[in-house]
Amino acid sequence: MGKSNNRKGTPKRIGILTAGGDCPGINAAIRGVGKTAIVKYGMTVVGISDGYAGLIHKEYRELTESDLSGILTLGGTILGTSREKPFKGKKKDEFRKPLLIREHYEQMGLDCLVCIGGNGTMKTANMLSEEGLNVVGVPKTIDNDIWGTDMTFGFDSAVNIATEAIDRLHSTANSHKRIMVIEIMGHNAGWLALYSGMAGGGDVILIPEIPHDEKVVMNYLRKRADNNKPYSIVVVAEGIKIPEGEDSPARYLARRIEEETGLETRETVLGYIQRGGSPSPMDRVLASRFGAAAANLIAKNDFGRMVALRNGEISSVKLSEVGGKTKLVGSDDPMVRQAMEMGTSFGV
């Protein structure tokens, strides 16, 4: 285990960092960890700046209970973030990064490190755990693609934002009798496109996990037009396969649809707006529950784990089981089956 100044019965000193992309709910999670650690266990909480980069450069400050007041509803992260991957360096001086992290962890007198982040963050957290540091992971991402948890915080907020955008496109599409193609984030997972497409009444939903046939999509849209349905909404995940050289699934598909069907088509790339702003009530609750669970694990000296939501209950899984895995939508997922049964096309 990592070197620790903690003696039996002495309150622990824990560090918190946030890494990877920002998303709604991170501050709620910081608050959940920090307030539980301070109020329930009398621990000392240290906020580390800008993800793993803050550990490398030893940039941190102690957080009091008052520092954690008023942040529940804030978007972004009060600690800052970065995409620093300390184990990925190829240059000679970059091999020192994991050594510096361990050295600074010990110099800061930490008994545990709480890592709030997505897939890459959990992979690094597991590697630090294997290096001997006491680590607990908290899963966050709008993509909902972290293995081992049914849901990540940030996802619900992003679904709300994407669904509202799709709702607004319905009125424009109907007014102009157009096909509207909207591109949703999610990396290589289709959760966000699937849920927002379902919630927003998308006529076509294309996700990376279900390879689509362009001809099937074109025929489906022609048939809708022939059946006096004057407009269609096409929801596409950013990770779907498109020809090399094309920069955007939405732009590519909008052009192809207009070329093949003759139907007027426009595209919208929603982009980073999906990641910003205040978290939804559901995400505030989930992030707070995750944060509190992380503090409880630390109090029990139960390290090398990631907190998780499993069948409605807060639990935890081994970081070693999470690192390097991605949770994807199955072609037989109940949501996919239900959408197909209601006439939604997945291009198959």
Protein backbone atom coordinates (compact mmCIF):
# COMPACT_ATOMS: atom_id res chain seq x y z
CA MET A 1 0.00 0.00 0.00
CA GLY A 2 1.03 3.64 -0.36
CA LYS A 3 3.12 5.22 2.33
CA SER A 4 0.89 6.91 4.88
CA ASN A 5 1.22 9.09 7.94
CA ASN A 6 -2.03 7.66 9.24
CA ARG A 7 -2.01 5.90 12.58
CA LYS A 8 -4.84 3.72 13.80
CA GLY A 9 -7.63 5.98 15.05
CA THR A 10 -6.10 9.12 13.50
CA PRO A 11 -8.29 10.91 10.91
CA LYS A 12 -7.02 10.44 7.39
CA ARG A 13 -5.69 13.03 4.95
CA ILE A 14 -7.16 12.51 1.47
CA GLY A 15 -6.53 14.13 -1.89
CA ILE A 16 -9.19 14.75 -4.55
CA LEU A 17 -8.52 15.35 -8.25
CA THR A 18 -10.74 15.67 -11.32
CA ALA A 19 -9.34 14.53 -14.66
CA GLY A 20 -10.42 14.26 -18.30
CA GLY A 21 -13.27 16.21 -19.84
CA ASP A 22 -15.52 18.36 -17.68
CA CYS A 23 -19.17 17.39 -17.20
CA PRO A 24 -22.11 18.44 -15.02
CA GLY A 25 -21.96 17.07 -11.48
CA ILE A 26 -18.22 17.06 -10.80
CA ASN A 27 -18.51 19.76 -8.13
CA ALA A 28 -21.39 17.86 -6.53
CA ALA A 29 -19.10 14.81 -6.33
CA ILE A 30 -16.22 16.86 -4.84
CA ARG A 31 -18.71 18.19 -2.27
CA GLY A 32 -20.02 14.67 -1.55
CA VAL A 33 -16.52 13.32 -0.89
CA GLY A 34 -15.31 16.35 1.02
CA LYS A 35 -18.29 17.02 3.27
CA THR A 36 -18.67 13.34 4.20
CA ALA A 37 -14.94 13.05 4.90
CA ILE A 38 -14.85 16.21 7.03
CA VAL A 39 -18.24 16.08 8.80
CA LYS A 40 -18.61 12.32 9.34
CA TYR A 41 -14.99 11.24 9.78
CA GLY A 42 -13.02 14.37 10.71
CA MET A 43 -10.63 13.83 7.79
CA THR A 44 -8.46 16.50 6.17
CA VAL A 45 -9.28 17.09 2.49
CA VAL A 46 -6.78 18.32 -0.10
CA GLY A 47 -7.88 19.60 -3.51
CA ILE A 48 -5.36 18.83 -6.27
CA SER A 49 -5.30 21.20 -9.26
CA ASP A 50 -5.82 20.16 -12.89
CA GLY A 51 -6.04 16.40 -12.63
CA TYR A 52 -2.92 14.25 -12.63
CA ALA A 53 -0.91 17.29 -13.77
CA GLY A 54 -1.45 18.78 -10.30
CA LEU A 55 0.13 15.72 -8.71
CA ILE A 56 3.09 15.89 -11.08
CA HIS A 57 3.66 19.60 -10.32
CA LYS A 58 2.57 19.36 -6.67
CA GLU A 59 -0.16 21.98 -6.95
CA TYR A 60 -2.79 21.65 -4.25
CA ARG A 61 -4.61 23.35 -1.38
CA GLU A 62 -6.50 22.18 1.66
CA LEU A 63 -10.29 22.39 1.36
CA THR A 64 -12.44 23.41 4.31
CA GLU A 65 -16.14 22.74 4.69
CA SER A 66 -16.85 26.35 3.71
CA ASP A 67 -14.90 25.84 0.44
CA LEU A 68 -17.43 23.14 -0.42
CA SER A 69 -20.49 25.31 0.22
CA GLY A 70 -22.38 26.67 -2.77
CA ILE A 71 -20.78 24.38 -5.37
CA LEU A 72 -23.51 21.72 -5.63
CA THR A 73 -25.21 23.41 -8.59
CA LEU A 74 -22.09 24.63 -10.41
CA GLY A 75 -20.99 23.17 -13.74
CA GLY A 76 -17.33 22.47 -14.49
CA THR A 77 -14.89 21.73 -11.67
CA ILE A 78 -13.53 24.03 -8.96
CA LEU A 79 -10.29 22.04 -9.02
CA GLY A 80 -9.67 22.37 -12.75
CA THR A 81 -8.94 19.43 -15.02
CA SER A 82 -6.52 18.19 -17.66
CA ARG A 83 -6.05 15.20 -19.93
CA GLU A 84 -2.59 14.42 -18.52
CA LYS A 85 -1.84 10.70 -18.84
CA PRO A 86 1.24 10.12 -16.67
CA PHE A 87 1.88 6.55 -17.88
CA LYS A 88 1.69 7.39 -21.57
CA GLY A 89 4.91 9.38 -21.99
CA LYS A 90 7.52 8.27 -24.52
CA LYS A 91 10.17 10.92 -23.96
CA LYS A 92 12.88 10.16 -21.42
CA ASP A 93 11.80 12.83 -18.90
CA GLU A 94 8.14 11.70 -19.10
CA PHE A 95 9.00 8.29 -17.63
CA ARG A 96 9.54 10.19 -14.37
CA LYS A 97 5.90 11.27 -14.08
CA PRO A 98 4.60 8.23 -12.16
CA LEU A 99 7.64 8.48 -9.85
CA LEU A 100 6.91 12.17 -9.23
CA ILE A 101 3.27 11.38 -8.48
CA ARG A 102 4.26 8.80 -5.88
CA GLU A 103 6.90 11.10 -4.41
CA HIS A 104 4.47 14.04 -4.13
CA TYR A 105 1.69 11.81 -2.77
CA GLU A 106 4.02 10.89 0.08
CA GLN A 107 5.33 14.44 0.59
CA MET A 108 1.73 15.70 0.84
CA GLY A 109 1.10 13.11 3.55
CA LEU A 110 -1.87 11.58 1.77
CA ASP A 111 -3.54 8.42 3.00
CA CYS A 112 -5.69 8.08 -0.14
CA LEU A 113 -6.28 9.67 -3.51
CA VAL A 114 -9.81 10.11 -4.89
CA CYS A 115 -9.82 10.22 -8.71
CA ILE A 116 -12.99 11.61 -10.32
CA GLY A 117 -13.10 10.95 -14.05
CA GLY A 118 -13.94 8.78 -17.01
CA ASN A 119 -12.39 5.72 -18.66
CA GLY A 120 -8.89 7.16 -19.04
CA THR A 121 -8.92 8.48 -15.49
CA MET A 122 -9.96 5.08 -14.10
CA LYS A 123 -7.26 3.33 -16.12
CA THR A 124 -4.61 5.65 -14.67
CA ALA A 125 -6.14 5.31 -11.19
CA ASN A 126 -5.76 1.54 -11.42
CA MET A 127 -2.14 1.86 -12.56
CA LEU A 128 -1.39 4.13 -9.59
CA SER A 129 -3.09 1.56 -7.34
CA GLU A 130 -0.81 -1.10 -8.79
CA GLU A 131 2.15 1.20 -8.03
CA GLY A 132 1.18 1.05 -4.36
CA LEU A 133 -0.92 4.19 -3.85
CA ASN A 134 -4.24 4.00 -2.01
CA VAL A 135 -6.80 5.03 -4.64
CA VAL A 136 -10.60 5.25 -4.92
CA GLY A 137 -12.30 6.05 -8.23
CA VAL A 138 -15.50 8.02 -8.85
CA PRO A 139 -16.99 7.54 -12.37
CA LYS A 140 -18.13 10.58 -14.34
CA THR A 141 -18.83 11.07 -18.04
CA ILE A 142 -21.66 12.22 -20.26
CA ASP A 143 -20.95 9.14 -22.42
CA ASN A 144 -22.14 6.62 -19.76
CA ASP A 145 -19.54 4.18 -21.09
CA ILE A 146 -17.63 3.26 -17.92
CA TRP A 147 -17.67 -0.48 -17.28
CA GLY A 148 -18.92 -1.65 -13.89
CA THR A 149 -21.58 0.98 -13.20
CA ASP A 150 -25.12 1.16 -14.57
CA MET A 151 -24.93 4.94 -14.74
CA THR A 152 -22.36 7.72 -14.53
CA PHE A 153 -23.16 11.21 -13.36
CA GLY A 154 -23.13 13.76 -16.17
CA PHE A 155 -25.14 11.45 -18.43
CA ASP A 156 -28.59 12.54 -17.29
CA SER A 157 -27.74 16.24 -17.70
CA ALA A 158 -26.37 15.62 -21.20
CA VAL A 159 -29.48 13.62 -22.17
CA ASN A 160 -31.64 16.55 -21.03
CA ILE A 161 -29.62 19.04 -23.10
CA ALA A 162 -29.56 16.85 -26.22
CA THR A 163 -33.27 16.06 -25.91
CA GLU A 164 -34.15 19.75 -25.66
CA ALA A 165 -32.13 20.40 -28.82
CA ILE A 166 -33.97 17.61 -30.66
CA ASP A 167 -37.31 19.00 -29.42
CA ARG A 168 -36.45 22.40 -30.89
CA LEU A 169 -35.45 20.87 -34.21
CA HIS A 170 -38.89 19.26 -34.56
CA SER A 171 -40.60 22.65 -34.95
CA THR A 172 -38.04 23.89 -37.50
CA ALA A 173 -38.15 20.63 -39.45
CA ASN A 174 -41.95 20.67 -39.51
CA SER A 175 -42.17 24.34 -40.52
CA HIS A 176 -39.80 23.90 -43.48
CA LYS A 177 -40.66 20.27 -44.32
CA ARG A 178 -37.03 19.30 -43.98
CA ILE A 179 -34.97 16.40 -42.75
CA MET A 180 -32.86 17.47 -39.79
CA VAL A 181 -29.71 15.54 -38.87
CA ILE A 182 -28.34 16.15 -35.35
CA GLU A 183 -24.97 14.87 -34.15
CA ILE A 184 -24.70 13.80 -30.50
CA MET A 185 -21.50 13.24 -28.48
CA GLY A 186 -20.52 9.94 -26.88
CA HIS A 187 -17.13 8.90 -28.32
CA ASN A 188 -17.47 5.25 -29.40
CA ALA A 189 -20.59 4.56 -27.34
CA GLY A 190 -24.17 5.23 -28.41
CA TRP A 191 -25.84 5.69 -25.02
CA LEU A 192 -26.33 9.44 -25.32
CA ALA A 193 -27.67 9.29 -28.88
CA LEU A 194 -29.92 6.35 -28.00
CA TYR A 195 -31.49 7.91 -24.92
CA SER A 196 -31.87 11.43 -26.32
CA GLY A 197 -33.07 10.02 -29.65
CA MET A 198 -35.72 8.00 -27.86
CA ALA A 199 -36.72 10.90 -25.58
CA GLY A 200 -36.80 13.36 -28.48
CA GLY A 201 -38.74 11.16 -30.87
CA GLY A 202 -35.95 10.62 -33.40
CA ASP A 203 -37.13 8.80 -36.52
CA VAL A 204 -33.66 7.42 -37.25
CA ILE A 205 -31.05 6.73 -34.55
CA LEU A 206 -27.57 5.69 -35.68
CA ILE A 207 -25.08 4.46 -33.08
CA PRO A 208 -21.56 2.97 -33.40
CA GLU A 209 -22.51 -0.40 -31.93
CA ILE A 210 -25.07 -1.15 -34.67
CA PRO A 211 -23.46 -0.84 -38.13
CA HIS A 212 -25.94 0.87 -40.44
CA ASP A 213 -26.62 0.53 -44.17
CA GLU A 214 -26.99 3.91 -45.89
CA LYS A 215 -29.42 2.43 -48.42
CA VAL A 216 -31.72 1.30 -45.61
CA VAL A 217 -31.68 4.82 -44.12
CA MET A 218 -32.41 6.46 -47.51
CA ASN A 219 -35.28 4.07 -48.26
CA TYR A 220 -36.76 4.65 -44.80
CA LEU A 221 -36.68 8.45 -45.26
CA ARG A 222 -38.17 8.22 -48.79
CA LYS A 223 -40.97 6.01 -47.47
CA ARG A 224 -41.78 8.53 -44.74
CA ALA A 225 -42.00 11.31 -47.33
CA ASP A 226 -44.17 9.14 -49.61
CA ASN A 227 -46.48 8.43 -46.65
CA ASN A 228 -47.17 12.15 -46.18
CA LYS A 229 -44.82 12.54 -43.22
CA PRO A 230 -43.39 15.93 -44.16
CA TYR A 231 -40.25 15.89 -42.03
CA SER A 232 -37.84 13.50 -40.28
CA ILE A 233 -35.35 13.74 -37.42
CA VAL A 234 -32.11 11.76 -37.79
CA VAL A 235 -30.07 11.40 -34.57
CA VAL A 236 -26.46 10.29 -35.12
CA ALA A 237 -23.76 9.46 -32.58
CA GLU A 238 -20.40 11.10 -33.23
CA GLY A 239 -18.68 7.70 -33.25
CA ILE A 240 -20.55 6.10 -36.18
CA LYS A 241 -18.44 4.92 -39.09
CA ILE A 242 -18.13 7.36 -42.00
CA PRO A 243 -15.78 7.42 -45.01
CA GLU A 244 -12.19 8.45 -44.39
CA GLY A 245 -11.64 12.16 -44.91
CA GLU A 246 -15.10 13.18 -43.69
CA ASP A 247 -14.98 15.30 -40.54
CA SER A 248 -18.54 15.03 -39.21
CA PRO A 249 -21.17 12.26 -39.36
CA ALA A 250 -23.96 14.86 -39.41
CA ARG A 251 -22.49 16.89 -42.26
CA TYR A 252 -21.67 13.78 -44.24
CA LEU A 253 -25.12 12.20 -43.80
CA ALA A 254 -27.01 15.43 -44.49
CA ARG A 255 -25.18 15.77 -47.81
CA ARG A 256 -25.74 12.13 -48.75
CA ILE A 257 -29.44 12.20 -47.83
CA GLU A 258 -30.06 15.25 -49.99
CA GLU A 259 -28.06 13.74 -52.88
CA GLU A 260 -29.84 10.38 -52.73
CA THR A 261 -33.41 11.40 -51.87
CA GLY A 262 -33.71 14.95 -53.18
CA LEU A 263 -35.26 15.90 -49.83
CA GLU A 264 -34.08 19.18 -48.31
CA THR A 265 -31.76 18.33 -45.41
CA ARG A 266 -29.90 20.36 -42.77
CA GLU A 267 -27.42 19.32 -40.08
CA THR A 268 -26.73 20.44 -36.52
CA VAL A 269 -23.62 19.47 -34.56
CA LEU A 270 -24.52 20.01 -30.91
CA GLY A 271 -20.92 19.81 -29.64
CA TYR A 272 -19.62 20.91 -26.26
CA ILE A 273 -22.86 22.53 -25.15
CA GLN A 274 -23.80 19.00 -24.04
CA ARG A 275 -21.06 19.06 -21.39
CA GLY A 276 -21.63 22.48 -19.85
CA GLY A 277 -23.93 24.09 -17.35
CA SER A 278 -25.59 23.15 -14.10
CA PRO A 279 -26.17 19.44 -13.40
CA SER A 280 -29.69 18.00 -13.44
CA PRO A 281 -31.27 17.09 -10.08
CA MET A 282 -30.64 13.39 -10.86
CA ASP A 283 -26.94 14.04 -11.48
CA ARG A 284 -26.63 16.14 -8.32
CA VAL A 285 -28.05 13.25 -6.31
CA LEU A 286 -25.98 10.54 -8.02
CA ALA A 287 -22.73 12.53 -7.79
CA SER A 288 -23.40 13.24 -4.10
CA ARG A 289 -24.10 9.55 -3.42
CA PHE A 290 -20.93 8.53 -5.27
CA GLY A 291 -18.86 11.07 -3.34
CA ALA A 292 -20.19 9.95 0.03
CA ALA A 293 -19.58 6.30 -0.91
CA ALA A 294 -15.96 7.11 -1.79
CA ALA A 295 -15.41 8.64 1.66
CA ASN A 296 -16.99 5.59 3.29
CA LEU A 297 -14.63 3.26 1.39
CA ILE A 298 -11.64 5.31 2.57
CA ALA A 299 -12.82 5.15 6.17
CA LYS A 300 -12.88 1.34 5.88
CA ASN A 301 -9.41 1.25 4.23
CA ASP A 302 -11.09 -0.34 1.21
CA PHE A 303 -8.82 0.94 -1.56
CA GLY A 304 -8.27 0.05 -5.20
CA ARG A 305 -12.00 0.32 -5.94
CA MET A 306 -14.41 2.47 -7.96
CA VAL A 307 -17.81 3.41 -6.57
CA ALA A 308 -20.68 2.28 -8.79
CA LEU A 309 -24.44 2.16 -9.21
CA ARG A 310 -25.62 -1.46 -9.60
CA ASN A 311 -29.36 -2.28 -9.79
CA GLY A 312 -30.28 0.96 -8.07
CA GLU A 313 -27.85 0.47 -5.17
CA ILE A 314 -24.53 2.19 -4.54
CA SER A 315 -21.70 -0.37 -4.40
CA SER A 316 -18.14 -0.61 -5.66
CA VAL A 317 -16.02 -2.63 -8.09
CA LYS A 318 -12.30 -3.32 -8.31
CA LEU A 319 -10.40 -0.72 -10.34
CA SER A 320 -8.50 -3.60 -11.92
CA GLU A 321 -11.78 -4.81 -13.44
CA VAL A 322 -12.65 -1.36 -14.81
CA GLY A 323 -9.41 -0.12 -16.37
CA GLY A 324 -9.22 -0.46 -20.13
CA LYS A 325 -12.85 -1.60 -20.58
CA THR A 326 -15.72 0.28 -22.23
CA LYS A 327 -19.43 -0.28 -21.66
CA LEU A 328 -21.21 -0.27 -25.03
CA VAL A 329 -24.83 -0.55 -26.16
CA GLY A 330 -25.74 -4.13 -27.07
CA SER A 331 -27.66 -4.76 -30.30
CA ASP A 332 -30.21 -6.62 -28.17
CA ASP A 333 -30.47 -3.85 -25.56
CA PRO A 334 -34.10 -3.45 -24.39
CA MET A 335 -34.05 0.24 -25.39
CA VAL A 336 -33.01 -0.67 -28.93
CA ARG A 337 -35.67 -3.37 -29.19
CA GLN A 338 -38.36 -1.04 -27.91
CA ALA A 339 -37.40 1.72 -30.34
CA MET A 340 -37.43 -0.73 -33.27
CA GLU A 341 -40.85 -2.03 -32.23
CA MET A 342 -42.16 1.56 -32.37
CA GLY A 343 -40.84 2.04 -35.91
CA THR A 344 -37.53 3.80 -35.25
CA SER A 345 -34.87 2.93 -37.82
CA PHE A 346 -31.32 2.00 -36.85
CA GLY A 347 -30.34 1.61 -40.49
CA VAL A 348 -30.48 -2.19 -40.45
